[in-house]
Amino acid sequence: MTLSSLPTPFVAIDRKKLHANIEAMQALARTAGVALRPHAKTHKSAVIARWQLEAGAVGICCAKLAEAEVFAEAGITDIRIPYPVNPINADRVRALISSGVTLSIIVDDVEVARQWSEAMTGAGAKLRVLVKVDVGFHRCGIDPDSPHATDAIKAISELSGLSLRGLLSHAGHSYGAGSGHELAGIADKEPPWERNRKSLPPSSGSAARSARRRRSSSRRGRTRR
């Protein structure tokens, strides 16, 4: 049998290279002293997700709720959806939590966070959330330069039914960087909340410190490509 004789579409992987890549990324995170949570949308495979977890990853990210449900059914128990999720999906989110999944999502709006608070409190559930901060990609997230940014984070941290786990940023504009130097410059500007860290809730301050370490690991990982 040859590759040309296989029916398409067909997924083929070089297992040796794949495991080497998984181990290399895990080593970068280990050296930086940070936890690694790979995004499963790149492979959409529960088998590969388990290999990443076995190598030391603390969990996975999923692109949407439906994807999280598939991975949860496959036995993955720590899942983050790093995108805003509409509270209309509260029943599905509660179902995942009830099944034993450690689920976390992002919020970037106090009113939406209140809706999630009501949905969770009414059912006696607790949802882990991170506040998304816009660091330049301008797709979603609170504006760190807004005078109301820290007030919004504090308000979210005080909502019942929610557990604020920290802050999350995504410098997606870094994909267009033309050099390692340009990439490093974007990474250095990524955590603007550092300017106001003293006014953030305790959990958010810890997240800001962790973000500095994540940024360093991410920069080294990307420039090795």
C-alpha atoms as a PDB file:
ATOM      1  CA  MET A   1       0.000   0.000   0.000  1.00  0.00           C
ATOM      2  CA  THR A   2       1.224   3.492  -0.855  1.00  0.00           C
ATOM      3  CA  LEU A   3      -0.002   6.952   0.130  1.00  0.00           C
ATOM      4  CA  SER A   4      -1.319   7.510  -3.375  1.00  0.00           C
ATOM      5  CA  SER A   5      -3.474   4.385  -3.124  1.00  0.00           C
ATOM      6  CA  LEU A   6      -5.286   5.466   0.058  1.00  0.00           C
ATOM      7  CA  PRO A   7      -8.794   6.893  -0.251  1.00  0.00           C
ATOM      8  CA  THR A   8      -9.055  10.585   0.535  1.00  0.00           C
ATOM      9  CA  PRO A   9      -9.645  12.542   2.658  1.00  0.00           C
ATOM     10  CA  PHE A  10      -7.137  10.699   4.827  1.00  0.00           C
ATOM     11  CA  VAL A  11      -5.156  11.812   7.865  1.00  0.00           C
ATOM     12  CA  ALA A  12      -1.607  10.540   8.156  1.00  0.00           C
ATOM     13  CA  ILE A  13       0.854  11.491  10.889  1.00  0.00           C
ATOM     14  CA  ASP A  14       4.496  10.810  11.550  1.00  0.00           C
ATOM     15  CA  ARG A  15       4.135   9.524  15.098  1.00  0.00           C
ATOM     16  CA  LYS A  16       7.818   9.944  15.918  1.00  0.00           C
ATOM     17  CA  LYS A  17       7.840  13.596  14.843  1.00  0.00           C
ATOM     18  CA  LEU A  18       4.523  14.280  16.540  1.00  0.00           C
ATOM     19  CA  HIS A  19       5.722  12.957  19.890  1.00  0.00           C
ATOM     20  CA  ALA A  20       8.986  14.875  19.487  1.00  0.00           C
ATOM     21  CA  ASN A  21       7.027  18.087  18.918  1.00  0.00           C
ATOM     22  CA  ILE A  22       4.818  17.406  21.944  1.00  0.00           C
ATOM     23  CA  GLU A  23       7.850  16.768  24.137  1.00  0.00           C
ATOM     24  CA  ALA A  24       9.676  19.848  22.804  1.00  0.00           C
ATOM     25  CA  MET A  25       6.767  22.152  23.630  1.00  0.00           C
ATOM     26  CA  GLN A  26       6.338  20.585  27.046  1.00  0.00           C
ATOM     27  CA  ALA A  27      10.048  21.056  27.726  1.00  0.00           C
ATOM     28  CA  LEU A  28       9.784  24.759  26.862  1.00  0.00           C
ATOM     29  CA  ALA A  29       6.941  25.163  29.342  1.00  0.00           C
ATOM     30  CA  ARG A  30       8.755  23.163  32.003  1.00  0.00           C
ATOM     31  CA  THR A  31      11.896  25.276  31.630  1.00  0.00           C
ATOM     32  CA  ALA A  32       9.834  28.469  31.892  1.00  0.00           C
ATOM     33  CA  GLY A  33       8.067  27.169  34.991  1.00  0.00           C
ATOM     34  CA  VAL A  34       4.591  27.459  33.486  1.00  0.00           C
ATOM     35  CA  ALA A  35       1.661  25.151  32.857  1.00  0.00           C
ATOM     36  CA  LEU A  36       0.960  24.193  29.251  1.00  0.00           C
ATOM     37  CA  ARG A  37      -2.600  24.027  27.918  1.00  0.00           C
ATOM     38  CA  PRO A  38      -2.462  23.269  24.154  1.00  0.00           C
ATOM     39  CA  HIS A  39      -5.273  24.205  21.797  1.00  0.00           C
ATOM     40  CA  ALA A  40      -6.952  21.050  20.508  1.00  0.00           C
ATOM     41  CA  LYS A  41      -8.498  22.810  17.511  1.00  0.00           C
ATOM     42  CA  THR A  42      -5.183  22.281  15.726  1.00  0.00           C
ATOM     43  CA  HIS A  43      -5.594  18.502  15.645  1.00  0.00           C
ATOM     44  CA  LYS A  44      -9.195  17.789  16.781  1.00  0.00           C
ATOM     45  CA  SER A  45      -8.072  14.406  18.046  1.00  0.00           C
ATOM     46  CA  ALA A  46      -8.788  12.916  21.466  1.00  0.00           C
ATOM     47  CA  VAL A  47      -5.884  10.522  20.942  1.00  0.00           C
ATOM     48  CA  ILE A  48      -3.405  13.360  20.412  1.00  0.00           C
ATOM     49  CA  ALA A  49      -4.945  15.305  23.305  1.00  0.00           C
ATOM     50  CA  ARG A  50      -4.290  12.339  25.590  1.00  0.00           C
ATOM     51  CA  TRP A  51      -0.679  12.171  24.378  1.00  0.00           C
ATOM     52  CA  GLN A  52      -0.292  15.865  25.247  1.00  0.00           C
ATOM     53  CA  LEU A  53      -1.763  15.307  28.702  1.00  0.00           C
ATOM     54  CA  GLU A  54       0.460  12.289  29.288  1.00  0.00           C
ATOM     55  CA  ALA A  55       3.450  14.474  28.412  1.00  0.00           C
ATOM     56  CA  GLY A  56       2.483  16.959  31.125  1.00  0.00           C
ATOM     57  CA  ALA A  57      -0.139  19.344  29.743  1.00  0.00           C
ATOM     58  CA  VAL A  58      -2.633  20.462  32.412  1.00  0.00           C
ATOM     59  CA  GLY A  59      -5.610  20.430  30.071  1.00  0.00           C
ATOM     60  CA  ILE A  60      -6.694  21.519  26.619  1.00  0.00           C
ATOM     61  CA  CYS A  61      -8.414  24.453  24.934  1.00  0.00           C
ATOM     62  CA  CYS A  62     -11.340  24.026  22.565  1.00  0.00           C
ATOM     63  CA  ALA A  63     -12.641  26.382  19.895  1.00  0.00           C
ATOM     64  CA  LYS A  64     -16.312  26.056  20.788  1.00  0.00           C
ATOM     65  CA  LEU A  65     -18.735  24.355  23.113  1.00  0.00           C
ATOM     66  CA  ALA A  66     -19.570  21.539  20.700  1.00  0.00           C
ATOM     67  CA  GLU A  67     -15.875  20.699  20.407  1.00  0.00           C
ATOM     68  CA  ALA A  68     -15.570  20.661  24.204  1.00  0.00           C
ATOM     69  CA  GLU A  69     -18.480  18.236  24.424  1.00  0.00           C
ATOM     70  CA  VAL A  70     -16.785  15.834  21.999  1.00  0.00           C
ATOM     71  CA  PHE A  71     -13.515  15.878  23.939  1.00  0.00           C
ATOM     72  CA  ALA A  72     -15.367  15.498  27.242  1.00  0.00           C
ATOM     73  CA  GLU A  73     -17.173  12.442  25.889  1.00  0.00           C
ATOM     74  CA  ALA A  74     -13.762  11.044  24.971  1.00  0.00           C
ATOM     75  CA  GLY A  75     -12.626  11.378  28.590  1.00  0.00           C
ATOM     76  CA  ILE A  76     -10.765  14.704  28.618  1.00  0.00           C
ATOM     77  CA  THR A  77     -11.628  16.333  31.946  1.00  0.00           C
ATOM     78  CA  ASP A  78      -9.904  19.750  31.987  1.00  0.00           C
ATOM     79  CA  ILE A  79     -11.150  21.976  29.178  1.00  0.00           C
ATOM     80  CA  ARG A  80     -10.992  25.707  28.541  1.00  0.00           C
ATOM     81  CA  ILE A  81     -12.970  27.573  25.903  1.00  0.00           C
ATOM     82  CA  PRO A  82     -10.913  30.760  25.399  1.00  0.00           C
ATOM     83  CA  TYR A  83     -13.736  32.519  23.587  1.00  0.00           C
ATOM     84  CA  PRO A  84     -16.922  34.248  24.775  1.00  0.00           C
ATOM     85  CA  VAL A  85     -19.786  31.793  25.206  1.00  0.00           C
ATOM     86  CA  ASN A  86     -23.395  32.986  25.036  1.00  0.00           C
ATOM     87  CA  PRO A  87     -25.284  32.361  28.319  1.00  0.00           C
ATOM     88  CA  ILE A  88     -28.079  30.834  26.235  1.00  0.00           C
ATOM     89  CA  ASN A  89     -25.859  27.730  26.351  1.00  0.00           C
ATOM     90  CA  ALA A  90     -25.994  27.540  30.159  1.00  0.00           C
ATOM     91  CA  ASP A  91     -27.703  24.118  30.169  1.00  0.00           C
ATOM     92  CA  ARG A  92     -24.912  22.598  28.078  1.00  0.00           C
ATOM     93  CA  VAL A  93     -22.227  24.228  30.218  1.00  0.00           C
ATOM     94  CA  ARG A  94     -23.845  22.971  33.421  1.00  0.00           C
ATOM     95  CA  ALA A  95     -24.094  19.490  31.902  1.00  0.00           C
ATOM     96  CA  LEU A  96     -20.361  19.447  31.224  1.00  0.00           C
ATOM     97  CA  ILE A  97     -19.593  20.603  34.767  1.00  0.00           C
ATOM     98  CA  SER A  98     -21.994  18.013  36.220  1.00  0.00           C
ATOM     99  CA  SER A  99     -20.240  15.291  34.228  1.00  0.00           C
ATOM    100  CA  GLY A 100     -17.032  16.013  36.117  1.00  0.00           C
ATOM    101  CA  VAL A 101     -15.295  18.256  33.584  1.00  0.00           C
ATOM    102  CA  THR A 102     -13.255  21.142  34.968  1.00  0.00           C
ATOM    103  CA  LEU A 103     -14.540  23.719  32.515  1.00  0.00           C
ATOM    104  CA  SER A 104     -13.512  27.345  32.171  1.00  0.00           C
ATOM    105  CA  ILE A 105     -14.579  30.052  29.744  1.00  0.00           C
ATOM    106  CA  ILE A 106     -13.751  33.702  29.175  1.00  0.00           C
ATOM    107  CA  VAL A 107     -15.868  36.786  29.751  1.00  0.00           C
ATOM    108  CA  ASP A 108     -15.189  40.343  28.658  1.00  0.00           C
ATOM    109  CA  ASP A 109     -18.456  42.057  29.557  1.00  0.00           C
ATOM    110  CA  VAL A 110     -19.916  42.606  33.034  1.00  0.00           C
ATOM    111  CA  GLU A 111     -23.536  42.222  31.900  1.00  0.00           C
ATOM    112  CA  VAL A 112     -22.812  38.903  30.176  1.00  0.00           C
ATOM    113  CA  ALA A 113     -20.927  37.786  33.287  1.00  0.00           C
ATOM    114  CA  ARG A 114     -24.014  38.646  35.371  1.00  0.00           C
ATOM    115  CA  GLN A 115     -26.142  36.457  33.124  1.00  0.00           C
ATOM    116  CA  TRP A 116     -23.704  33.593  33.654  1.00  0.00           C
ATOM    117  CA  SER A 117     -23.789  34.283  37.390  1.00  0.00           C
ATOM    118  CA  GLU A 118     -27.581  34.020  37.444  1.00  0.00           C
ATOM    119  CA  ALA A 119     -27.553  30.833  35.367  1.00  0.00           C
ATOM    120  CA  MET A 120     -25.022  29.148  37.646  1.00  0.00           C
ATOM    121  CA  THR A 121     -26.369  30.406  40.983  1.00  0.00           C
ATOM    122  CA  GLY A 122     -29.910  29.335  40.112  1.00  0.00           C
ATOM    123  CA  ALA A 123     -28.682  25.784  39.535  1.00  0.00           C
ATOM    124  CA  GLY A 124     -26.279  25.703  42.475  1.00  0.00           C
ATOM    125  CA  ALA A 125     -23.318  25.401  40.137  1.00  0.00           C
ATOM    126  CA  LYS A 126     -19.967  27.168  39.891  1.00  0.00           C
ATOM    127  CA  LEU A 127     -18.323  28.205  36.625  1.00  0.00           C
ATOM    128  CA  ARG A 128     -14.653  29.068  36.280  1.00  0.00           C
ATOM    129  CA  VAL A 129     -14.072  32.218  34.234  1.00  0.00           C
ATOM    130  CA  LEU A 130     -11.137  34.277  33.057  1.00  0.00           C
ATOM    131  CA  VAL A 131     -11.416  37.885  31.965  1.00  0.00           C
ATOM    132  CA  LYS A 132     -10.230  38.344  28.399  1.00  0.00           C
ATOM    133  CA  VAL A 133      -7.949  41.341  27.880  1.00  0.00           C
ATOM    134  CA  ASP A 134      -7.478  42.831  24.414  1.00  0.00           C
ATOM    135  CA  VAL A 135      -3.726  43.195  23.891  1.00  0.00           C
ATOM    136  CA  GLY A 136      -3.817  44.299  20.266  1.00  0.00           C
ATOM    137  CA  PHE A 137      -5.717  41.745  18.201  1.00  0.00           C
ATOM    138  CA  HIS A 138      -9.000  43.645  18.726  1.00  0.00           C
ATOM    139  CA  ARG A 139     -11.228  40.618  18.287  1.00  0.00           C
ATOM    140  CA  CYS A 140     -12.627  40.559  21.809  1.00  0.00           C
ATOM    141  CA  GLY A 141     -11.581  41.440  25.333  1.00  0.00           C
ATOM    142  CA  ILE A 142     -11.736  44.445  27.616  1.00  0.00           C
ATOM    143  CA  ASP A 143      -9.647  47.470  26.728  1.00  0.00           C
ATOM    144  CA  PRO A 144      -6.777  47.568  29.264  1.00  0.00           C
ATOM    145  CA  ASP A 145      -6.409  51.305  28.727  1.00  0.00           C
ATOM    146  CA  SER A 146     -10.027  52.004  29.643  1.00  0.00           C
ATOM    147  CA  PRO A 147     -10.470  53.764  33.008  1.00  0.00           C
ATOM    148  CA  HIS A 148     -13.227  51.223  33.722  1.00  0.00           C
ATOM    149  CA  ALA A 149     -11.115  48.089  33.080  1.00  0.00           C
ATOM    150  CA  THR A 150     -10.168  47.292  36.665  1.00  0.00           C
ATOM    151  CA  ASP A 151     -13.689  48.138  37.892  1.00  0.00           C
ATOM    152  CA  ALA A 152     -15.094  45.614  35.427  1.00  0.00           C
ATOM    153  CA  ILE A 153     -12.702  42.916  36.601  1.00  0.00           C
ATOM    154  CA  LYS A 154     -13.552  43.612  40.245  1.00  0.00           C
ATOM    155  CA  ALA A 155     -17.273  43.466  39.486  1.00  0.00           C
ATOM    156  CA  ILE A 156     -16.891  40.094  37.772  1.00  0.00           C
ATOM    157  CA  SER A 157     -14.784  38.761  40.641  1.00  0.00           C
ATOM    158  CA  GLU A 158     -17.607  39.497  43.098  1.00  0.00           C
ATOM    159  CA  LEU A 159     -20.361  37.686  41.189  1.00  0.00           C
ATOM    160  CA  SER A 160     -21.816  34.582  42.817  1.00  0.00           C
ATOM    161  CA  GLY A 161     -21.765  31.371  40.832  1.00  0.00           C
ATOM    162  CA  LEU A 162     -18.517  32.381  39.139  1.00  0.00           C
ATOM    163  CA  SER A 163     -14.938  31.677  40.149  1.00  0.00           C
ATOM    164  CA  LEU A 164     -12.520  34.191  38.662  1.00  0.00           C
ATOM    165  CA  ARG A 165      -9.358  32.280  37.749  1.00  0.00           C
ATOM    166  CA  GLY A 166      -7.415  35.239  36.350  1.00  0.00           C
ATOM    167  CA  LEU A 167      -6.832  37.047  33.083  1.00  0.00           C
ATOM    168  CA  LEU A 168      -6.365  35.702  29.570  1.00  0.00           C
ATOM    169  CA  SER A 169      -4.891  37.395  26.522  1.00  0.00           C
ATOM    170  CA  HIS A 170      -4.246  36.347  22.945  1.00  0.00           C
ATOM    171  CA  ALA A 171      -1.817  38.340  20.824  1.00  0.00           C
ATOM    172  CA  GLY A 172      -3.197  37.005  17.556  1.00  0.00           C
ATOM    173  CA  HIS A 173      -1.666  39.904  15.664  1.00  0.00           C
ATOM    174  CA  SER A 174       1.717  38.297  16.363  1.00  0.00           C
ATOM    175  CA  TYR A 175       0.999  35.814  13.559  1.00  0.00           C
ATOM    176  CA  GLY A 176       1.935  38.552  11.126  1.00  0.00           C
ATOM    177  CA  ALA A 177       5.327  39.222  12.699  1.00  0.00           C
ATOM    178  CA  GLY A 178       8.131  39.179  10.165  1.00  0.00           C
ATOM    179  CA  SER A 179      11.004  38.362  12.520  1.00  0.00           C
ATOM    180  CA  GLY A 180      11.865  37.069  15.955  1.00  0.00           C
ATOM    181  CA  HIS A 181      12.698  40.631  17.016  1.00  0.00           C
ATOM    182  CA  GLU A 182       9.252  41.882  15.966  1.00  0.00           C
ATOM    183  CA  LEU A 183       7.617  38.933  17.689  1.00  0.00           C
ATOM    184  CA  ALA A 184       9.513  39.653  20.914  1.00  0.00           C
ATOM    185  CA  GLY A 185       8.356  43.273  20.755  1.00  0.00           C
ATOM    186  CA  ILE A 186       4.714  42.195  20.565  1.00  0.00           C
ATOM    187  CA  ALA A 187       5.226  39.788  23.470  1.00  0.00           C
ATOM    188  CA  ASP A 188       6.799  42.517  25.605  1.00  0.00           C
ATOM    189  CA  LYS A 189       3.701  44.665  25.145  1.00  0.00           C
ATOM    190  CA  GLU A 190       1.239  41.871  25.770  1.00  0.00           C
ATOM    191  CA  PRO A 191       0.371  42.326  29.482  1.00  0.00           C
ATOM    192  CA  PRO A 192      -0.648  46.003  29.768  1.00  0.00           C
ATOM    193  CA  TRP A 193      -2.629  45.248  32.944  1.00  0.00           C
ATOM    194  CA  GLU A 194       0.721  45.190  34.761  1.00  0.00           C
ATOM    195  CA  ARG A 195       0.418  48.963  35.045  1.00  0.00           C
ATOM    196  CA  ASN A 196      -2.653  48.582  37.249  1.00  0.00           C
ATOM    197  CA  ARG A 197      -1.874  45.254  38.914  1.00  0.00           C
ATOM    198  CA  LYS A 198      -2.115  46.659  42.458  1.00  0.00           C
ATOM    199  CA  SER A 199      -5.752  47.580  41.881  1.00  0.00           C
ATOM    200  CA  LEU A 200      -6.772  44.144  40.586  1.00  0.00           C
ATOM    201  CA  PRO A 201      -8.412  41.401  42.676  1.00  0.00           C
ATOM    202  CA  PRO A 202      -5.807  39.001  44.188  1.00  0.00           C
ATOM    203  CA  SER A 203      -6.474  36.192  41.694  1.00  0.00           C
ATOM    204  CA  SER A 204      -6.040  38.566  38.779  1.00  0.00           C
ATOM    205  CA  GLY A 205      -2.747  39.841  40.123  1.00  0.00           C
ATOM    206  CA  SER A 206      -1.473  36.286  40.276  1.00  0.00           C
ATOM    207  CA  ALA A 207      -2.597  35.788  36.697  1.00  0.00           C
ATOM    208  CA  ALA A 208      -0.653  38.844  35.618  1.00  0.00           C
ATOM    209  CA  ARG A 209       2.495  37.447  37.166  1.00  0.00           C
ATOM    210  CA  SER A 210       1.904  34.099  35.483  1.00  0.00           C
ATOM    211  CA  ALA A 211       1.323  35.841  32.178  1.00  0.00           C
ATOM    212  CA  ARG A 212       4.828  37.266  32.256  1.00  0.00           C
ATOM    213  CA  ARG A 213       6.216  33.735  32.473  1.00  0.00           C
ATOM    214  CA  ARG A 214       3.832  32.477  29.768  1.00  0.00           C
ATOM    215  CA  ARG A 215       4.906  35.309  27.516  1.00  0.00           C
ATOM    216  CA  SER A 216       8.564  34.346  27.851  1.00  0.00           C
ATOM    217  CA  SER A 217       7.845  30.699  27.068  1.00  0.00           C
ATOM    218  CA  SER A 218       5.630  31.614  24.117  1.00  0.00           C
ATOM    219  CA  ARG A 219       8.241  33.893  22.642  1.00  0.00           C
ATOM    220  CA  ARG A 220      10.933  31.226  22.742  1.00  0.00           C
ATOM    221  CA  GLY A 221       8.583  28.585  21.352  1.00  0.00           C
ATOM    222  CA  ARG A 222       7.471  30.651  18.387  1.00  0.00           C
ATOM    223  CA  THR A 223      10.906  31.790  17.336  1.00  0.00           C
ATOM    224  CA  ARG A 224      12.055  28.173  17.106  1.00  0.00           C
ATOM    225  CA  ARG A 225       9.628  27.383  14.285  1.00  0.00           C
END
